[in-house]
């Protein structure tokens, strides 16, 4: 039995859809805070169990009988270390054969502020002594696609990544990798550094966006504090704006680059091309 936590989220849903292509629905558990939010998965035969990272009693019930558990990192930055430790402790009590954790690309050396809670979680997993595999996910291309409508509207793509190269991949690529690891044997103890096959600068992304849209969209590189202020001014919550600006600054220092091709090797196909994803984003913005 495979348990996927955070199954109502974007990544979790994609992981379950990937698993459904390979294993019976009844052997998959969607572990979520609000079971009603995944009624569609239940209708496909997937087991649904309540699992709240802040309530260990729900975790014990969710992991009962589990063979493997995928811990998808919490979206609540600043609270994740404690939440993840609750999951790790529950996994240990359940005696599962494998815990897979979605960490951050090169977490132990990353310049991104996001890395701290991932490093702490990886340490908690080691201390617990549970059989585990680390899925160190790089940047989701969707993180930049979200800026496409505004870039087309204002005629510029802004950021603070300088000439840093970003090896992003589609969320579905990372989901396929997680499913592959959960299905395979012999994964305990492995660390995967997962990133897209092709890296780009944000200037190159803007050029590709210009080609996809037929509209000139230059890249404007801002100081980190100005980019953060621009994101906040566009309506993003201040903590999110700060996180994204910090991540761009980290990208400028190589934090989102990797050329090991472990992701495409794991999923058995090339990662989704940036040009394809941009074309789809432009079509949605039309």
C-alpha atoms as a PDB file:
ATOM      1  CA  UNK A   1       0.000   0.000   0.000  1.00  0.00           C
ATOM      2  CA  UNK A   2       1.335   3.422  -1.012  1.00  0.00           C
ATOM      3  CA  UNK A   3       0.316   6.514   0.944  1.00  0.00           C
ATOM      4  CA  UNK A   4       0.643   9.941  -0.680  1.00  0.00           C
ATOM      5  CA  UNK A   5       0.415  12.849   1.741  1.00  0.00           C
ATOM      6  CA  UNK A   6      -0.726  16.275   0.570  1.00  0.00           C
ATOM      7  CA  UNK A   7      -2.738  14.425  -2.065  1.00  0.00           C
ATOM      8  CA  UNK A   8      -5.163  17.291  -2.655  1.00  0.00           C
ATOM      9  CA  UNK A   9      -2.344  19.569  -3.791  1.00  0.00           C
ATOM     10  CA  UNK A  10      -1.138  20.055  -7.346  1.00  0.00           C
ATOM     11  CA  UNK A  11       1.854  17.731  -7.031  1.00  0.00           C
ATOM     12  CA  UNK A  12       0.020  15.136  -4.952  1.00  0.00           C
ATOM     13  CA  UNK A  13      -2.788  14.769  -7.454  1.00  0.00           C
ATOM     14  CA  UNK A  14      -0.297  14.318 -10.282  1.00  0.00           C
ATOM     15  CA  UNK A  15       1.593  11.659  -8.337  1.00  0.00           C
ATOM     16  CA  UNK A  16      -1.603   9.710  -7.750  1.00  0.00           C
ATOM     17  CA  UNK A  17      -2.593   9.956 -11.413  1.00  0.00           C
ATOM     18  CA  UNK A  18       0.848   8.610 -12.343  1.00  0.00           C
ATOM     19  CA  UNK A  19       0.514   5.765  -9.832  1.00  0.00           C
ATOM     20  CA  UNK A  20      -2.917   4.845 -11.159  1.00  0.00           C
ATOM     21  CA  UNK A  21      -1.301   3.962 -14.487  1.00  0.00           C
ATOM     22  CA  UNK A  22       0.848   1.335 -12.781  1.00  0.00           C
ATOM     23  CA  UNK A  23      -0.851  -0.001  -9.631  1.00  0.00           C
ATOM     24  CA  UNK A  24      -4.449  -0.779  -8.553  1.00  0.00           C
ATOM     25  CA  UNK A  25      -6.371   2.173  -7.154  1.00  0.00           C
ATOM     26  CA  UNK A  26      -7.231   0.239  -3.996  1.00  0.00           C
ATOM     27  CA  UNK A  27      -3.517   0.050  -3.109  1.00  0.00           C
ATOM     28  CA  UNK A  28      -3.164   3.852  -3.131  1.00  0.00           C
ATOM     29  CA  UNK A  29      -4.071   6.073  -0.187  1.00  0.00           C
ATOM     30  CA  UNK A  30      -4.706   9.790  -0.653  1.00  0.00           C
ATOM     31  CA  UNK A  31      -3.859  11.332   2.713  1.00  0.00           C
ATOM     32  CA  UNK A  32      -5.356  14.810   3.067  1.00  0.00           C
ATOM     33  CA  UNK A  33      -6.532  17.297   5.658  1.00  0.00           C
ATOM     34  CA  UNK A  34     -10.018  17.442   4.166  1.00  0.00           C
ATOM     35  CA  UNK A  35     -11.165  14.116   2.681  1.00  0.00           C
ATOM     36  CA  UNK A  36     -14.035  15.830   0.852  1.00  0.00           C
ATOM     37  CA  UNK A  37     -11.481  17.705  -1.258  1.00  0.00           C
ATOM     38  CA  UNK A  38     -10.489  14.512  -3.070  1.00  0.00           C
ATOM     39  CA  UNK A  39     -13.926  13.000  -3.683  1.00  0.00           C
ATOM     40  CA  UNK A  40     -12.892  12.630  -7.323  1.00  0.00           C
ATOM     41  CA  UNK A  41     -10.007  10.359  -6.315  1.00  0.00           C
ATOM     42  CA  UNK A  42     -12.295   8.303  -4.101  1.00  0.00           C
ATOM     43  CA  UNK A  43     -14.594   7.872  -7.092  1.00  0.00           C
ATOM     44  CA  UNK A  44     -11.655   6.312  -8.947  1.00  0.00           C
ATOM     45  CA  UNK A  45     -11.209   3.735  -6.194  1.00  0.00           C
ATOM     46  CA  UNK A  46      -8.372   5.428  -4.319  1.00  0.00           C
ATOM     47  CA  UNK A  47      -8.527   5.086  -0.524  1.00  0.00           C
ATOM     48  CA  UNK A  48      -8.937   8.445   1.197  1.00  0.00           C
ATOM     49  CA  UNK A  49      -7.751   9.063   4.762  1.00  0.00           C
ATOM     50  CA  UNK A  50      -7.549  12.159   6.901  1.00  0.00           C
ATOM     51  CA  UNK A  51      -3.977  13.278   7.581  1.00  0.00           C
ATOM     52  CA  UNK A  52      -3.073  16.586   9.197  1.00  0.00           C
ATOM     53  CA  UNK A  53       0.653  17.263   9.646  1.00  0.00           C
ATOM     54  CA  UNK A  54      -0.131  19.071  12.902  1.00  0.00           C
ATOM     55  CA  UNK A  55      -2.217  16.203  14.367  1.00  0.00           C
ATOM     56  CA  UNK A  56      -0.148  13.046  14.938  1.00  0.00           C
ATOM     57  CA  UNK A  57      -3.236  10.963  15.750  1.00  0.00           C
ATOM     58  CA  UNK A  58      -4.511  11.426  12.202  1.00  0.00           C
ATOM     59  CA  UNK A  59      -1.110  10.435  10.843  1.00  0.00           C
ATOM     60  CA  UNK A  60      -1.049   7.155  12.761  1.00  0.00           C
ATOM     61  CA  UNK A  61      -4.446   6.275  11.319  1.00  0.00           C
ATOM     62  CA  UNK A  62      -3.470   7.386   7.813  1.00  0.00           C
ATOM     63  CA  UNK A  63      -0.300   5.272   7.754  1.00  0.00           C
ATOM     64  CA  UNK A  64      -1.830   2.109   9.206  1.00  0.00           C
ATOM     65  CA  UNK A  65      -0.877  -0.832   7.011  1.00  0.00           C
ATOM     66  CA  UNK A  66       1.288   1.321   4.736  1.00  0.00           C
ATOM     67  CA  UNK A  67       4.241  -0.171   2.907  1.00  0.00           C
ATOM     68  CA  UNK A  68       5.515   3.099   1.422  1.00  0.00           C
ATOM     69  CA  UNK A  69       4.792   6.755   2.223  1.00  0.00           C
ATOM     70  CA  UNK A  70       5.458   9.830   0.113  1.00  0.00           C
ATOM     71  CA  UNK A  71       5.882  12.912   2.270  1.00  0.00           C
ATOM     72  CA  UNK A  72       5.148  15.915   0.067  1.00  0.00           C
ATOM     73  CA  UNK A  73       6.603  18.928   1.814  1.00  0.00           C
ATOM     74  CA  UNK A  74       4.137  21.250   3.482  1.00  0.00           C
ATOM     75  CA  UNK A  75       3.287  24.574   1.854  1.00  0.00           C
ATOM     76  CA  UNK A  76       3.378  26.344   5.219  1.00  0.00           C
ATOM     77  CA  UNK A  77       6.883  27.806   5.113  1.00  0.00           C
ATOM     78  CA  UNK A  78       8.141  28.479   8.624  1.00  0.00           C
ATOM     79  CA  UNK A  79       6.118  25.631  10.126  1.00  0.00           C
ATOM     80  CA  UNK A  80       7.394  22.798   7.988  1.00  0.00           C
ATOM     81  CA  UNK A  81      10.158  21.443  10.199  1.00  0.00           C
ATOM     82  CA  UNK A  82       7.783  20.614  13.053  1.00  0.00           C
ATOM     83  CA  UNK A  83       5.080  19.369  10.693  1.00  0.00           C
ATOM     84  CA  UNK A  84       7.467  17.099   8.814  1.00  0.00           C
ATOM     85  CA  UNK A  85       8.915  15.736  12.045  1.00  0.00           C
ATOM     86  CA  UNK A  86       5.401  14.669  13.041  1.00  0.00           C
ATOM     87  CA  UNK A  87       5.125  12.736   9.788  1.00  0.00           C
ATOM     88  CA  UNK A  88       8.560  11.142  10.166  1.00  0.00           C
ATOM     89  CA  UNK A  89       7.746  10.036  13.715  1.00  0.00           C
ATOM     90  CA  UNK A  90       4.439   8.536  12.561  1.00  0.00           C
ATOM     91  CA  UNK A  91       6.162   6.754   9.685  1.00  0.00           C
ATOM     92  CA  UNK A  92       8.623   5.246  12.134  1.00  0.00           C
ATOM     93  CA  UNK A  93       5.790   4.060  14.379  1.00  0.00           C
ATOM     94  CA  UNK A  94       4.061   2.517  11.355  1.00  0.00           C
ATOM     95  CA  UNK A  95       7.177   0.551  10.410  1.00  0.00           C
ATOM     96  CA  UNK A  96       6.941   1.308   6.681  1.00  0.00           C
ATOM     97  CA  UNK A  97       9.534  -0.070   4.274  1.00  0.00           C
ATOM     98  CA  UNK A  98      10.190   3.257   2.554  1.00  0.00           C
ATOM     99  CA  UNK A  99       9.659   6.970   3.170  1.00  0.00           C
ATOM    100  CA  UNK A 100      10.105   9.208   0.127  1.00  0.00           C
ATOM    101  CA  UNK A 101      10.490  12.929   0.808  1.00  0.00           C
ATOM    102  CA  UNK A 102      10.244  15.833  -1.649  1.00  0.00           C
ATOM    103  CA  UNK A 103      13.220  17.972  -0.683  1.00  0.00           C
ATOM    104  CA  UNK A 104      15.018  20.780  -2.562  1.00  0.00           C
ATOM    105  CA  UNK A 105      17.691  20.533  -5.259  1.00  0.00           C
ATOM    106  CA  UNK A 106      21.119  20.272  -3.602  1.00  0.00           C
ATOM    107  CA  UNK A 107      19.462  21.127  -0.297  1.00  0.00           C
ATOM    108  CA  UNK A 108      22.642  20.659   1.734  1.00  0.00           C
ATOM    109  CA  UNK A 109      24.561  23.282  -0.292  1.00  0.00           C
ATOM    110  CA  UNK A 110      21.717  25.433  -1.655  1.00  0.00           C
ATOM    111  CA  UNK A 111      21.911  29.236  -1.267  1.00  0.00           C
ATOM    112  CA  UNK A 112      18.099  29.448  -1.188  1.00  0.00           C
ATOM    113  CA  UNK A 113      16.451  30.349   2.089  1.00  0.00           C
ATOM    114  CA  UNK A 114      13.913  27.619   1.291  1.00  0.00           C
ATOM    115  CA  UNK A 115      16.597  25.028   1.901  1.00  0.00           C
ATOM    116  CA  UNK A 116      16.761  25.383   5.697  1.00  0.00           C
ATOM    117  CA  UNK A 117      13.562  23.502   6.501  1.00  0.00           C
ATOM    118  CA  UNK A 118      14.403  20.804   3.961  1.00  0.00           C
ATOM    119  CA  UNK A 119      17.838  20.317   5.521  1.00  0.00           C
ATOM    120  CA  UNK A 120      16.192  20.053   8.937  1.00  0.00           C
ATOM    121  CA  UNK A 121      13.691  17.491   7.639  1.00  0.00           C
ATOM    122  CA  UNK A 122      16.412  15.408   6.009  1.00  0.00           C
ATOM    123  CA  UNK A 123      18.245  15.438   9.346  1.00  0.00           C
ATOM    124  CA  UNK A 124      15.077  14.327  11.156  1.00  0.00           C
ATOM    125  CA  UNK A 125      14.702  11.434   8.725  1.00  0.00           C
ATOM    126  CA  UNK A 126      18.295  10.320   9.320  1.00  0.00           C
ATOM    127  CA  UNK A 127      17.888  10.614  13.094  1.00  0.00           C
ATOM    128  CA  UNK A 128      14.711   8.535  13.002  1.00  0.00           C
ATOM    129  CA  UNK A 129      16.509   5.790  11.127  1.00  0.00           C
ATOM    130  CA  UNK A 130      13.602   5.085   8.765  1.00  0.00           C
ATOM    131  CA  UNK A 131      14.399   3.649   5.320  1.00  0.00           C
ATOM    132  CA  UNK A 132      14.168   6.695   3.079  1.00  0.00           C
ATOM    133  CA  UNK A 133      14.805   8.135  -0.359  1.00  0.00           C
ATOM    134  CA  UNK A 134      15.264  11.847  -0.951  1.00  0.00           C
ATOM    135  CA  UNK A 135      13.667  13.422  -4.010  1.00  0.00           C
ATOM    136  CA  UNK A 136      15.496  16.728  -4.183  1.00  0.00           C
ATOM    137  CA  UNK A 137      13.230  18.589  -6.574  1.00  0.00           C
ATOM    138  CA  UNK A 138      14.468  21.540  -8.568  1.00  0.00           C
ATOM    139  CA  UNK A 139      12.331  24.523  -9.561  1.00  0.00           C
ATOM    140  CA  UNK A 140       8.910  23.968 -11.056  1.00  0.00           C
ATOM    141  CA  UNK A 141       8.620  25.683 -14.436  1.00  0.00           C
ATOM    142  CA  UNK A 142       5.071  26.579 -13.350  1.00  0.00           C
ATOM    143  CA  UNK A 143       6.587  28.984 -10.816  1.00  0.00           C
ATOM    144  CA  UNK A 144       7.593  31.176 -13.760  1.00  0.00           C
ATOM    145  CA  UNK A 145       4.590  30.394 -15.952  1.00  0.00           C
ATOM    146  CA  UNK A 146       2.431  32.112 -13.334  1.00  0.00           C
ATOM    147  CA  UNK A 147       4.111  35.386 -14.350  1.00  0.00           C
ATOM    148  CA  UNK A 148       3.307  35.019 -18.054  1.00  0.00           C
ATOM    149  CA  UNK A 149      -0.035  36.911 -18.044  1.00  0.00           C
ATOM    150  CA  UNK A 150       1.483  39.899 -16.239  1.00  0.00           C
ATOM    151  CA  UNK A 151       4.562  39.836 -18.475  1.00  0.00           C
ATOM    152  CA  UNK A 152       2.396  39.902 -21.590  1.00  0.00           C
ATOM    153  CA  UNK A 153       0.224  42.663 -20.162  1.00  0.00           C
ATOM    154  CA  UNK A 154       3.095  44.906 -19.101  1.00  0.00           C
ATOM    155  CA  UNK A 155       5.538  44.013 -21.860  1.00  0.00           C
ATOM    156  CA  UNK A 156       8.340  42.833 -19.592  1.00  0.00           C
ATOM    157  CA  UNK A 157       9.347  39.778 -17.586  1.00  0.00           C
ATOM    158  CA  UNK A 158      10.891  40.832 -14.289  1.00  0.00           C
ATOM    159  CA  UNK A 159      13.094  39.019 -11.818  1.00  0.00           C
ATOM    160  CA  UNK A 160      16.385  39.226  -9.947  1.00  0.00           C
ATOM    161  CA  UNK A 161      18.137  36.051 -11.100  1.00  0.00           C
ATOM    162  CA  UNK A 162      20.780  37.859 -13.147  1.00  0.00           C
ATOM    163  CA  UNK A 163      22.480  35.430 -15.508  1.00  0.00           C
ATOM    164  CA  UNK A 164      21.888  32.425 -13.271  1.00  0.00           C
ATOM    165  CA  UNK A 165      20.926  29.293 -15.166  1.00  0.00           C
ATOM    166  CA  UNK A 166      17.720  27.550 -14.091  1.00  0.00           C
ATOM    167  CA  UNK A 167      17.160  23.865 -14.822  1.00  0.00           C
ATOM    168  CA  UNK A 168      13.446  23.756 -14.109  1.00  0.00           C
ATOM    169  CA  UNK A 169      10.986  21.027 -15.037  1.00  0.00           C
ATOM    170  CA  UNK A 170       7.226  20.670 -15.179  1.00  0.00           C
ATOM    171  CA  UNK A 171       5.411  19.649 -12.016  1.00  0.00           C
ATOM    172  CA  UNK A 172       4.194  16.567 -13.892  1.00  0.00           C
ATOM    173  CA  UNK A 173       7.811  15.528 -14.504  1.00  0.00           C
ATOM    174  CA  UNK A 174       8.562  15.572 -10.783  1.00  0.00           C
ATOM    175  CA  UNK A 175       5.321  13.699 -10.088  1.00  0.00           C
ATOM    176  CA  UNK A 176       6.295  11.004 -12.567  1.00  0.00           C
ATOM    177  CA  UNK A 177       9.645  10.663 -10.809  1.00  0.00           C
ATOM    178  CA  UNK A 178       8.008  10.269  -7.404  1.00  0.00           C
ATOM    179  CA  UNK A 179       5.672   7.601  -8.757  1.00  0.00           C
ATOM    180  CA  UNK A 180       8.572   5.755 -10.364  1.00  0.00           C
ATOM    181  CA  UNK A 181      10.500   5.681  -7.091  1.00  0.00           C
ATOM    182  CA  UNK A 182       7.456   4.508  -5.128  1.00  0.00           C
ATOM    183  CA  UNK A 183       6.865   1.643  -7.550  1.00  0.00           C
ATOM    184  CA  UNK A 184      10.468   0.454  -7.718  1.00  0.00           C
ATOM    185  CA  UNK A 185      12.368  -1.624  -5.185  1.00  0.00           C
ATOM    186  CA  UNK A 186      15.785  -0.887  -3.724  1.00  0.00           C
ATOM    187  CA  UNK A 187      15.278   2.851  -3.296  1.00  0.00           C
ATOM    188  CA  UNK A 188      16.135   3.229   0.406  1.00  0.00           C
ATOM    189  CA  UNK A 189      19.271   5.280   0.960  1.00  0.00           C
ATOM    190  CA  UNK A 190      19.230   6.966  -2.449  1.00  0.00           C
ATOM    191  CA  UNK A 191      19.332  10.706  -3.065  1.00  0.00           C
ATOM    192  CA  UNK A 192      18.043  12.038  -6.375  1.00  0.00           C
ATOM    193  CA  UNK A 193      19.007  15.536  -7.563  1.00  0.00           C
ATOM    194  CA  UNK A 194      16.077  16.228  -9.888  1.00  0.00           C
ATOM    195  CA  UNK A 195      16.095  18.989 -12.495  1.00  0.00           C
ATOM    196  CA  UNK A 196      15.152  19.695 -16.083  1.00  0.00           C
ATOM    197  CA  UNK A 197      17.272  18.566 -19.024  1.00  0.00           C
ATOM    198  CA  UNK A 198      17.797  22.098 -20.324  1.00  0.00           C
ATOM    199  CA  UNK A 199      18.753  25.163 -18.317  1.00  0.00           C
ATOM    200  CA  UNK A 200      18.003  28.777 -19.203  1.00  0.00           C
ATOM    201  CA  UNK A 201      18.499  32.290 -17.899  1.00  0.00           C
ATOM    202  CA  UNK A 202      15.463  34.464 -17.341  1.00  0.00           C
ATOM    203  CA  UNK A 203      16.583  36.549 -20.309  1.00  0.00           C
ATOM    204  CA  UNK A 204      16.380  33.394 -22.415  1.00  0.00           C
ATOM    205  CA  UNK A 205      12.988  32.589 -20.920  1.00  0.00           C
ATOM    206  CA  UNK A 206      11.779  36.070 -21.897  1.00  0.00           C
ATOM    207  CA  UNK A 207      13.117  35.544 -25.419  1.00  0.00           C
ATOM    208  CA  UNK A 208      11.274  32.225 -25.652  1.00  0.00           C
ATOM    209  CA  UNK A 209       8.125  33.921 -24.362  1.00  0.00           C
ATOM    210  CA  UNK A 210       8.501  36.591 -27.031  1.00  0.00           C
ATOM    211  CA  UNK A 211       8.700  33.897 -29.696  1.00  0.00           C
ATOM    212  CA  UNK A 212       5.700  32.021 -28.298  1.00  0.00           C
ATOM    213  CA  UNK A 213       3.525  35.129 -28.043  1.00  0.00           C
ATOM    214  CA  UNK A 214       4.724  37.106 -31.045  1.00  0.00           C
ATOM    215  CA  UNK A 215       5.137  40.071 -28.712  1.00  0.00           C
ATOM    216  CA  UNK A 216       8.421  41.579 -27.576  1.00  0.00           C
ATOM    217  CA  UNK A 217       8.829  40.747 -23.879  1.00  0.00           C
ATOM    218  CA  UNK A 218      12.304  41.739 -22.625  1.00  0.00           C
ATOM    219  CA  UNK A 219      13.728  40.552 -19.320  1.00  0.00           C
ATOM    220  CA  UNK A 220      14.222  43.291 -16.742  1.00  0.00           C
ATOM    221  CA  UNK A 221      16.651  42.332 -13.981  1.00  0.00           C
ATOM    222  CA  UNK A 222      15.949  44.168 -10.739  1.00  0.00           C
ATOM    223  CA  UNK A 223      17.732  44.418  -7.403  1.00  0.00           C
ATOM    224  CA  UNK A 224      16.306  41.799  -5.032  1.00  0.00           C
ATOM    225  CA  UNK A 225      14.494  44.310  -2.826  1.00  0.00           C
ATOM    226  CA  UNK A 226      12.860  45.965  -5.836  1.00  0.00           C
ATOM    227  CA  UNK A 227      11.688  42.646  -7.237  1.00  0.00           C
ATOM    228  CA  UNK A 228      10.249  41.703  -3.847  1.00  0.00           C
ATOM    229  CA  UNK A 229       8.438  45.037  -3.669  1.00  0.00           C
ATOM    230  CA  UNK A 230       7.075  44.576  -7.192  1.00  0.00           C
ATOM    231  CA  UNK A 231       5.691  41.148  -6.326  1.00  0.00           C
ATOM    232  CA  UNK A 232       4.074  42.490  -3.172  1.00  0.00           C
ATOM    233  CA  UNK A 233       2.676  45.406  -5.149  1.00  0.00           C
ATOM    234  CA  UNK A 234       1.138  42.916  -7.571  1.00  0.00           C
ATOM    235  CA  UNK A 235      -0.842  41.429  -4.695  1.00  0.00           C
ATOM    236  CA  UNK A 236       1.310  38.555  -3.461  1.00  0.00           C
ATOM    237  CA  UNK A 237       1.479  38.146   0.326  1.00  0.00           C
ATOM    238  CA  UNK A 238       4.700  39.646   1.679  1.00  0.00           C
ATOM    239  CA  UNK A 239       6.174  36.289   2.817  1.00  0.00           C
ATOM    240  CA  UNK A 240       5.551  34.794  -0.639  1.00  0.00           C
ATOM    241  CA  UNK A 241       7.066  37.813  -2.360  1.00  0.00           C
ATOM    242  CA  UNK A 242      10.127  37.562  -0.133  1.00  0.00           C
ATOM    243  CA  UNK A 243      10.441  33.833  -0.781  1.00  0.00           C
ATOM    244  CA  UNK A 244      10.262  34.215  -4.559  1.00  0.00           C
ATOM    245  CA  UNK A 245      12.736  37.090  -4.589  1.00  0.00           C
ATOM    246  CA  UNK A 246      15.134  35.130  -2.389  1.00  0.00           C
ATOM    247  CA  UNK A 247      14.809  32.133  -4.704  1.00  0.00           C
ATOM    248  CA  UNK A 248      15.626  34.267  -7.757  1.00  0.00           C
ATOM    249  CA  UNK A 249      18.648  35.660  -5.923  1.00  0.00           C
ATOM    250  CA  UNK A 250      19.649  32.100  -5.103  1.00  0.00           C
ATOM    251  CA  UNK A 251      19.295  31.190  -8.774  1.00  0.00           C
ATOM    252  CA  UNK A 252      21.770  33.961  -9.590  1.00  0.00           C
ATOM    253  CA  UNK A 253      24.260  32.055  -7.420  1.00  0.00           C
ATOM    254  CA  UNK A 254      23.612  28.724  -9.144  1.00  0.00           C
ATOM    255  CA  UNK A 255      21.045  27.404  -6.703  1.00  0.00           C
ATOM    256  CA  UNK A 256      18.571  26.210  -9.332  1.00  0.00           C
ATOM    257  CA  UNK A 257      21.060  24.630 -11.750  1.00  0.00           C
ATOM    258  CA  UNK A 258      21.896  20.983 -12.242  1.00  0.00           C
ATOM    259  CA  UNK A 259      22.954  19.113 -15.364  1.00  0.00           C
ATOM    260  CA  UNK A 260      22.993  15.531 -14.073  1.00  0.00           C
ATOM    261  CA  UNK A 261      19.830  14.503 -15.962  1.00  0.00           C
ATOM    262  CA  UNK A 262      18.719  12.286 -13.077  1.00  0.00           C
ATOM    263  CA  UNK A 263      15.096  13.328 -13.574  1.00  0.00           C
ATOM    264  CA  UNK A 264      14.830  12.320 -17.218  1.00  0.00           C
ATOM    265  CA  UNK A 265      16.773   9.120 -16.514  1.00  0.00           C
ATOM    266  CA  UNK A 266      14.353   8.256 -13.730  1.00  0.00           C
ATOM    267  CA  UNK A 267      11.179   8.872 -15.735  1.00  0.00           C
ATOM    268  CA  UNK A 268      12.531   7.355 -18.940  1.00  0.00           C
ATOM    269  CA  UNK A 269      11.838  10.345 -21.166  1.00  0.00           C
ATOM    270  CA  UNK A 270      13.065  13.917 -21.681  1.00  0.00           C
ATOM    271  CA  UNK A 271      11.679  16.517 -19.319  1.00  0.00           C
ATOM    272  CA  UNK A 272       8.933  18.739 -20.745  1.00  0.00           C
ATOM    273  CA  UNK A 273      10.475  21.499 -22.909  1.00  0.00           C
ATOM    274  CA  UNK A 274      10.198  25.094 -21.737  1.00  0.00           C
ATOM    275  CA  UNK A 275       8.950  26.202 -25.170  1.00  0.00           C
ATOM    276  CA  UNK A 276       6.022  23.776 -24.971  1.00  0.00           C
ATOM    277  CA  UNK A 277       5.008  24.975 -21.516  1.00  0.00           C
ATOM    278  CA  UNK A 278       5.313  28.624 -22.527  1.00  0.00           C
ATOM    279  CA  UNK A 279       3.156  28.052 -25.609  1.00  0.00           C
ATOM    280  CA  UNK A 280       0.481  26.480 -23.424  1.00  0.00           C
ATOM    281  CA  UNK A 281       0.691  29.362 -20.948  1.00  0.00           C
ATOM    282  CA  UNK A 282       0.351  31.918 -23.757  1.00  0.00           C
ATOM    283  CA  UNK A 283      -2.687  30.059 -25.114  1.00  0.00           C
ATOM    284  CA  UNK A 284      -4.319  30.138 -21.672  1.00  0.00           C
ATOM    285  CA  UNK A 285      -3.650  33.875 -21.435  1.00  0.00           C
ATOM    286  CA  UNK A 286      -5.258  34.627 -24.786  1.00  0.00           C
END
